[in-house]
Amino acid sequence: MTISNDPLEELVQLIKNLKTFTNVDTDPIQNKLNILMRDIYDLIVGLESLSRKKRLAILKLAHLFPETLTTVELRKIMEYSNRTSLSYVRQELKDLEVAQLITVKKYRDKKLPFQIQINHQHRLMRILLSLIRSYGSSYREMIKEMVDRND
């Protein structure tokens, strides 16, 4: 069954038309597009599999990249109350760190706060960052205001 007005099929058809009418080898373009679309699908499914709080952390850290956040700042933008312990928030983030979706810089001096950042080297996080760079500037500004307001 095909979907009428399927945007992906329309794009593939445009690439095929380009090949037909210009005699340009479009196979590398089509292969790259297929890989990108599969990665975007994996990103969507992967984000959906996370809890709401973890999704919030990923999306907000990605929108703020390359900036880092402390555990206190992240607790606020993950919509936890101020009474939620920082160790609980760190435990929530542990799964994201183990999955290598975020990086956590821990200092030897226990008085210094953790610095948390999206892992820009992860294949799917690179795609998320690319989408945000292209389409997420207004949401980024909103999150920056939220972090600044909570200082």
C-alpha atoms as a PDB file:
ATOM      1  CA  MET A   1       0.000   0.000   0.000  1.00  0.00           C
ATOM      2  CA  THR A   2       1.356   3.411  -0.888  1.00  0.00           C
ATOM      3  CA  ILE A   3       0.590   6.687   0.790  1.00  0.00           C
ATOM      4  CA  SER A   4      -0.594   9.427  -1.526  1.00  0.00           C
ATOM      5  CA  ASN A   5       1.626  12.496  -1.371  1.00  0.00           C
ATOM      6  CA  ASP A   6       4.328  10.547   0.483  1.00  0.00           C
ATOM      7  CA  PRO A   7       7.123  13.131   0.861  1.00  0.00           C
ATOM      8  CA  LEU A   8       9.879  10.504   0.920  1.00  0.00           C
ATOM      9  CA  GLU A   9       8.612   8.808  -2.222  1.00  0.00           C
ATOM     10  CA  GLU A  10       8.339  12.197  -3.907  1.00  0.00           C
ATOM     11  CA  LEU A  11      11.962  12.942  -3.033  1.00  0.00           C
ATOM     12  CA  VAL A  12      13.126   9.545  -4.321  1.00  0.00           C
ATOM     13  CA  GLN A  13      11.148  10.123  -7.512  1.00  0.00           C
ATOM     14  CA  LEU A  14      12.787  13.524  -7.987  1.00  0.00           C
ATOM     15  CA  ILE A  15      16.200  11.880  -7.670  1.00  0.00           C
ATOM     16  CA  LYS A  16      15.184   9.218 -10.206  1.00  0.00           C
ATOM     17  CA  ASN A  17      13.946  11.936 -12.581  1.00  0.00           C
ATOM     18  CA  LEU A  18      17.257  13.728 -12.221  1.00  0.00           C
ATOM     19  CA  LYS A  19      19.041  10.536 -13.225  1.00  0.00           C
ATOM     20  CA  THR A  20      16.715   9.955 -16.170  1.00  0.00           C
ATOM     21  CA  PHE A  21      16.791  13.457 -17.602  1.00  0.00           C
ATOM     22  CA  THR A  22      20.402  14.462 -16.935  1.00  0.00           C
ATOM     23  CA  ASN A  23      22.259  11.154 -17.162  1.00  0.00           C
ATOM     24  CA  VAL A  24      23.802  11.911 -13.760  1.00  0.00           C
ATOM     25  CA  ASP A  25      24.634   8.961 -11.529  1.00  0.00           C
ATOM     26  CA  THR A  26      22.292   9.591  -8.611  1.00  0.00           C
ATOM     27  CA  ASP A  27      22.854   6.245  -6.875  1.00  0.00           C
ATOM     28  CA  PRO A  28      25.303   7.759  -4.328  1.00  0.00           C
ATOM     29  CA  ILE A  29      22.745  10.490  -3.529  1.00  0.00           C
ATOM     30  CA  GLN A  30      19.954   7.967  -3.140  1.00  0.00           C
ATOM     31  CA  ASN A  31      22.121   5.700  -0.948  1.00  0.00           C
ATOM     32  CA  LYS A  32      23.095   8.644   1.282  1.00  0.00           C
ATOM     33  CA  LEU A  33      19.433   9.666   1.539  1.00  0.00           C
ATOM     34  CA  ASN A  34      18.408   6.117   2.488  1.00  0.00           C
ATOM     35  CA  ILE A  35      21.046   5.957   5.224  1.00  0.00           C
ATOM     36  CA  LEU A  36      20.038   9.397   6.542  1.00  0.00           C
ATOM     37  CA  MET A  37      16.337   8.510   6.605  1.00  0.00           C
ATOM     38  CA  ARG A  38      17.073   5.231   8.409  1.00  0.00           C
ATOM     39  CA  ASP A  39      19.141   7.121  10.979  1.00  0.00           C
ATOM     40  CA  ILE A  40      16.354   9.677  11.491  1.00  0.00           C
ATOM     41  CA  TYR A  41      13.905   6.808  12.010  1.00  0.00           C
ATOM     42  CA  ASP A  42      16.289   5.194  14.524  1.00  0.00           C
ATOM     43  CA  LEU A  43      16.570   8.542  16.320  1.00  0.00           C
ATOM     44  CA  ILE A  44      12.781   8.896  16.582  1.00  0.00           C
ATOM     45  CA  VAL A  45      12.312   5.339  17.833  1.00  0.00           C
ATOM     46  CA  GLY A  46      15.233   5.697  20.229  1.00  0.00           C
ATOM     47  CA  LEU A  47      13.882   8.917  21.732  1.00  0.00           C
ATOM     48  CA  GLU A  48      10.426   7.384  22.046  1.00  0.00           C
ATOM     49  CA  SER A  49      11.863   4.479  24.035  1.00  0.00           C
ATOM     50  CA  LEU A  50      13.216   6.844  26.714  1.00  0.00           C
ATOM     51  CA  SER A  51      11.233   8.057  29.699  1.00  0.00           C
ATOM     52  CA  ARG A  52       9.757  11.553  29.461  1.00  0.00           C
ATOM     53  CA  LYS A  53      12.423  13.022  31.777  1.00  0.00           C
ATOM     54  CA  LYS A  54      15.288  11.448  29.841  1.00  0.00           C
ATOM     55  CA  ARG A  55      13.809  12.708  26.567  1.00  0.00           C
ATOM     56  CA  LEU A  56      13.619  16.191  28.081  1.00  0.00           C
ATOM     57  CA  ALA A  57      17.267  15.956  29.109  1.00  0.00           C
ATOM     58  CA  ILE A  58      18.410  14.824  25.639  1.00  0.00           C
ATOM     59  CA  LEU A  59      16.372  17.398  23.736  1.00  0.00           C
ATOM     60  CA  LYS A  60      17.315  20.298  25.966  1.00  0.00           C
ATOM     61  CA  LEU A  61      21.008  19.389  26.120  1.00  0.00           C
ATOM     62  CA  ALA A  62      21.032  19.032  22.339  1.00  0.00           C
ATOM     63  CA  HIS A  63      19.417  22.443  21.874  1.00  0.00           C
ATOM     64  CA  LEU A  64      22.000  24.027  24.174  1.00  0.00           C
ATOM     65  CA  PHE A  65      25.024  22.287  22.608  1.00  0.00           C
ATOM     66  CA  PRO A  66      27.957  23.093  22.830  1.00  0.00           C
ATOM     67  CA  GLU A  67      27.122  24.504  26.256  1.00  0.00           C
ATOM     68  CA  THR A  68      27.205  22.266  29.297  1.00  0.00           C
ATOM     69  CA  LEU A  69      24.782  22.186  32.199  1.00  0.00           C
ATOM     70  CA  THR A  70      25.265  21.332  35.830  1.00  0.00           C
ATOM     71  CA  THR A  71      23.110  18.758  37.542  1.00  0.00           C
ATOM     72  CA  VAL A  72      21.224  21.577  39.310  1.00  0.00           C
ATOM     73  CA  GLU A  73      20.436  23.326  36.005  1.00  0.00           C
ATOM     74  CA  LEU A  74      19.425  20.064  34.387  1.00  0.00           C
ATOM     75  CA  ARG A  75      17.175  19.194  37.319  1.00  0.00           C
ATOM     76  CA  LYS A  76      15.269  22.419  36.691  1.00  0.00           C
ATOM     77  CA  ILE A  77      14.853  22.047  32.955  1.00  0.00           C
ATOM     78  CA  MET A  78      13.912  18.372  33.367  1.00  0.00           C
ATOM     79  CA  GLU A  79      11.013  19.720  35.424  1.00  0.00           C
ATOM     80  CA  TYR A  80      12.003  18.140  38.731  1.00  0.00           C
ATOM     81  CA  SER A  81      11.168  20.034  41.892  1.00  0.00           C
ATOM     82  CA  ASN A  82      13.934  21.662  43.910  1.00  0.00           C
ATOM     83  CA  ARG A  83      13.321  19.015  46.572  1.00  0.00           C
ATOM     84  CA  THR A  84      14.385  16.236  44.203  1.00  0.00           C
ATOM     85  CA  SER A  85      17.849  15.112  45.246  1.00  0.00           C
ATOM     86  CA  LEU A  86      20.719  15.681  42.853  1.00  0.00           C
ATOM     87  CA  SER A  87      21.804  12.080  43.317  1.00  0.00           C
ATOM     88  CA  TYR A  88      18.410  10.958  41.991  1.00  0.00           C
ATOM     89  CA  VAL A  89      18.827  13.171  38.923  1.00  0.00           C
ATOM     90  CA  ARG A  90      22.379  11.840  38.409  1.00  0.00           C
ATOM     91  CA  GLN A  91      21.022   8.285  38.585  1.00  0.00           C
ATOM     92  CA  GLU A  92      18.464   9.149  35.890  1.00  0.00           C
ATOM     93  CA  LEU A  93      21.277  10.489  33.731  1.00  0.00           C
ATOM     94  CA  LYS A  94      23.426   7.415  34.293  1.00  0.00           C
ATOM     95  CA  ASP A  95      21.429   5.420  31.700  1.00  0.00           C
ATOM     96  CA  LEU A  96      22.001   8.162  29.131  1.00  0.00           C
ATOM     97  CA  GLU A  97      25.702   8.216  29.941  1.00  0.00           C
ATOM     98  CA  VAL A  98      25.989   4.421  29.676  1.00  0.00           C
ATOM     99  CA  ALA A  99      24.221   4.568  26.291  1.00  0.00           C
ATOM    100  CA  GLN A 100      26.805   7.237  25.357  1.00  0.00           C
ATOM    101  CA  LEU A 101      24.075   9.773  24.506  1.00  0.00           C
ATOM    102  CA  ILE A 102      25.531  12.309  26.958  1.00  0.00           C
ATOM    103  CA  THR A 103      28.920  12.975  28.480  1.00  0.00           C
ATOM    104  CA  VAL A 104      29.384  13.829  32.134  1.00  0.00           C
ATOM    105  CA  LYS A 105      32.571  15.520  33.232  1.00  0.00           C
ATOM    106  CA  LYS A 106      33.223  14.739  36.870  1.00  0.00           C
ATOM    107  CA  TYR A 107      35.882  16.593  38.793  1.00  0.00           C
ATOM    108  CA  ARG A 108      38.104  15.102  41.477  1.00  0.00           C
ATOM    109  CA  ASP A 109      37.146  17.965  43.736  1.00  0.00           C
ATOM    110  CA  LYS A 110      33.689  16.885  44.906  1.00  0.00           C
ATOM    111  CA  LYS A 111      32.700  20.515  45.483  1.00  0.00           C
ATOM    112  CA  LEU A 112      32.754  21.250  41.754  1.00  0.00           C
ATOM    113  CA  PRO A 113      29.512  20.489  39.882  1.00  0.00           C
ATOM    114  CA  PHE A 114      29.257  17.865  37.161  1.00  0.00           C
ATOM    115  CA  GLN A 115      29.303  19.291  33.628  1.00  0.00           C
ATOM    116  CA  ILE A 116      26.782  17.519  31.403  1.00  0.00           C
ATOM    117  CA  GLN A 117      26.666  17.757  27.621  1.00  0.00           C
ATOM    118  CA  ILE A 118      25.136  15.925  24.686  1.00  0.00           C
ATOM    119  CA  ASN A 119      27.596  13.445  23.148  1.00  0.00           C
ATOM    120  CA  HIS A 120      28.166  15.034  19.743  1.00  0.00           C
ATOM    121  CA  GLN A 121      30.192  12.021  18.616  1.00  0.00           C
ATOM    122  CA  HIS A 122      27.253   9.606  18.855  1.00  0.00           C
ATOM    123  CA  ARG A 123      25.834   8.854  15.389  1.00  0.00           C
ATOM    124  CA  LEU A 124      22.211   9.635  16.253  1.00  0.00           C
ATOM    125  CA  MET A 125      23.035  12.631  18.418  1.00  0.00           C
ATOM    126  CA  ARG A 126      24.935  14.138  15.457  1.00  0.00           C
ATOM    127  CA  ILE A 127      21.736  13.856  13.426  1.00  0.00           C
ATOM    128  CA  LEU A 128      19.702  15.430  16.228  1.00  0.00           C
ATOM    129  CA  LEU A 129      22.222  18.280  16.478  1.00  0.00           C
ATOM    130  CA  SER A 130      22.069  18.794  12.720  1.00  0.00           C
ATOM    131  CA  LEU A 131      18.261  18.986  12.781  1.00  0.00           C
ATOM    132  CA  ILE A 132      18.382  21.432  15.677  1.00  0.00           C
ATOM    133  CA  ARG A 133      20.969  23.635  13.965  1.00  0.00           C
ATOM    134  CA  SER A 134      18.710  23.843  10.917  1.00  0.00           C
ATOM    135  CA  TYR A 135      15.282  24.111  12.542  1.00  0.00           C
ATOM    136  CA  GLY A 136      15.541  24.590  16.306  1.00  0.00           C
ATOM    137  CA  SER A 137      16.771  28.133  16.895  1.00  0.00           C
ATOM    138  CA  SER A 138      13.566  29.467  18.498  1.00  0.00           C
ATOM    139  CA  TYR A 139      13.307  26.490  20.866  1.00  0.00           C
ATOM    140  CA  ARG A 140      16.999  26.914  21.725  1.00  0.00           C
ATOM    141  CA  GLU A 141      16.375  30.532  22.730  1.00  0.00           C
ATOM    142  CA  MET A 142      13.421  29.466  24.874  1.00  0.00           C
ATOM    143  CA  ILE A 143      15.544  26.872  26.712  1.00  0.00           C
ATOM    144  CA  LYS A 144      18.399  29.358  27.206  1.00  0.00           C
ATOM    145  CA  GLU A 145      15.933  31.779  28.795  1.00  0.00           C
ATOM    146  CA  MET A 146      14.658  28.983  31.043  1.00  0.00           C
ATOM    147  CA  VAL A 147      18.203  28.173  32.225  1.00  0.00           C
ATOM    148  CA  ASP A 148      19.090  31.851  32.687  1.00  0.00           C
ATOM    149  CA  ARG A 149      15.884  32.510  34.621  1.00  0.00           C
ATOM    150  CA  ASN A 150      16.672  29.681  37.020  1.00  0.00           C
ATOM    151  CA  ASP A 151      20.147  31.001  37.913  1.00  0.00           C
END
